[in-house]
Amino acid sequence: MAKVDIYTTRFCPFCIRAKMLLDKLGVNYHEIPVDGDAPLRAHMESLTGGYTVPQILINDQAIGGCDDLHALHRHGQLQELLQESAR
């Protein structure tokens, strides 16, 4: 199964929506809250190139945020990414 990391903040509706999709699909993920942690948020930005949350990585590949996750799912590409083994 793929390694999934999701950078979030507590009250972000997009974070909640992304986690709901992953939960619905039965995906195990590692949630990394960046609330009030500027160094961790800077690390997230360096890994993903994004500064908004959520930022989602599958097998250490940045896929973007909530809308990107849902688009991958709609186009049948998310399952392919999730079936790849973690590197």
Protein backbone atom coordinates (compact mmCIF):
# COMPACT_ATOMS: atom_id res chain seq x y z
CA MET A 1 0.00 0.00 0.00
CA ALA A 2 1.12 3.54 -0.68
CA LYS A 3 2.53 5.91 1.90
CA VAL A 4 0.20 8.90 2.27
CA ASP A 5 1.05 12.07 4.19
CA ILE A 6 -1.40 14.95 4.55
CA TYR A 7 -0.44 18.32 5.99
CA THR A 8 -3.43 19.96 7.66
CA THR A 9 -4.74 22.61 10.00
CA ARG A 10 -7.45 21.97 12.55
CA PHE A 11 -10.41 23.92 11.18
CA CYS A 12 -9.69 23.77 7.45
CA PRO A 13 -12.80 22.53 5.59
CA PHE A 14 -10.66 21.39 2.65
CA CYS A 15 -8.50 19.31 5.00
CA ILE A 16 -11.61 17.72 6.46
CA ARG A 17 -12.98 16.98 2.99
CA ALA A 18 -9.71 15.41 1.82
CA LYS A 19 -9.49 13.22 4.93
CA MET A 20 -13.13 12.18 4.46
CA LEU A 21 -12.34 10.90 0.95
CA LEU A 22 -9.27 9.01 2.17
CA ASP A 23 -11.29 7.55 5.05
CA LYS A 24 -14.11 6.54 2.67
CA LEU A 25 -11.56 4.73 0.50
CA GLY A 26 -10.03 3.01 3.54
CA VAL A 27 -6.66 4.68 3.03
CA ASN A 28 -4.26 4.80 5.97
CA TYR A 29 -2.56 8.17 6.09
CA HIS A 30 -0.24 10.13 8.34
CA GLU A 31 -1.73 13.48 9.29
CA ILE A 32 0.77 16.24 9.99
CA PRO A 33 -0.86 19.29 11.63
CA VAL A 34 0.94 22.56 10.89
CA ASP A 35 -1.22 24.82 13.11
CA GLY A 36 1.00 27.54 14.55
CA ASP A 37 4.21 25.73 13.58
CA ALA A 38 6.03 28.02 11.15
CA PRO A 39 9.11 25.76 10.72
CA LEU A 40 6.95 22.72 9.97
CA ARG A 41 4.83 24.73 7.53
CA ALA A 42 8.03 25.93 5.82
CA HIS A 43 9.14 22.29 5.58
CA MET A 44 5.77 21.42 4.01
CA GLU A 45 6.25 24.22 1.48
CA SER A 46 9.74 22.99 0.60
CA LEU A 47 8.43 19.45 0.01
CA THR A 48 5.28 20.33 -1.90
CA GLY A 49 5.75 23.78 -3.36
CA GLY A 50 2.39 24.72 -1.84
CA TYR A 51 1.64 26.97 1.11
CA THR A 52 -2.06 26.27 1.52
CA VAL A 53 -3.48 23.24 3.28
CA PRO A 54 -4.07 20.47 2.80
CA GLN A 55 -0.94 19.40 1.01
CA ILE A 56 -0.99 15.71 0.16
CA LEU A 57 1.91 13.44 -0.72
CA ILE A 58 1.56 9.90 -2.02
CA ASN A 59 4.79 7.90 -1.92
CA ASP A 60 6.63 11.20 -1.31
CA GLN A 61 5.19 12.68 -4.52
CA ALA A 62 3.27 15.92 -4.00
CA ILE A 63 -0.15 15.66 -5.59
CA GLY A 64 -1.54 18.99 -4.40
CA GLY A 65 -4.54 19.76 -2.26
CA CYS A 66 -8.13 18.68 -1.75
CA ASP A 67 -9.37 19.58 -5.23
CA ASP A 68 -6.43 17.76 -6.80
CA LEU A 69 -7.12 14.66 -4.69
CA HIS A 70 -10.79 14.63 -5.71
CA ALA A 71 -9.88 15.18 -9.38
CA LEU A 72 -7.52 12.19 -9.29
CA HIS A 73 -10.31 10.13 -7.76
CA ARG A 74 -12.88 11.25 -10.37
CA HIS A 75 -10.52 10.32 -13.20
CA GLY A 76 -9.66 6.92 -11.74
CA GLN A 77 -6.02 7.83 -11.14
CA LEU A 78 -6.05 7.93 -7.35
CA GLN A 79 -6.51 4.17 -6.96
CA GLU A 80 -3.52 3.60 -9.26
CA LEU A 81 -1.33 5.83 -7.12
CA LEU A 82 -2.56 4.19 -3.92
CA GLN A 83 -1.82 0.69 -5.21
CA GLU A 84 1.83 1.48 -5.85
CA SER A 85 4.18 0.34 -3.13
CA ALA A 86 5.86 2.93 -0.97
CA ARG A 87 9.37 3.70 -2.16
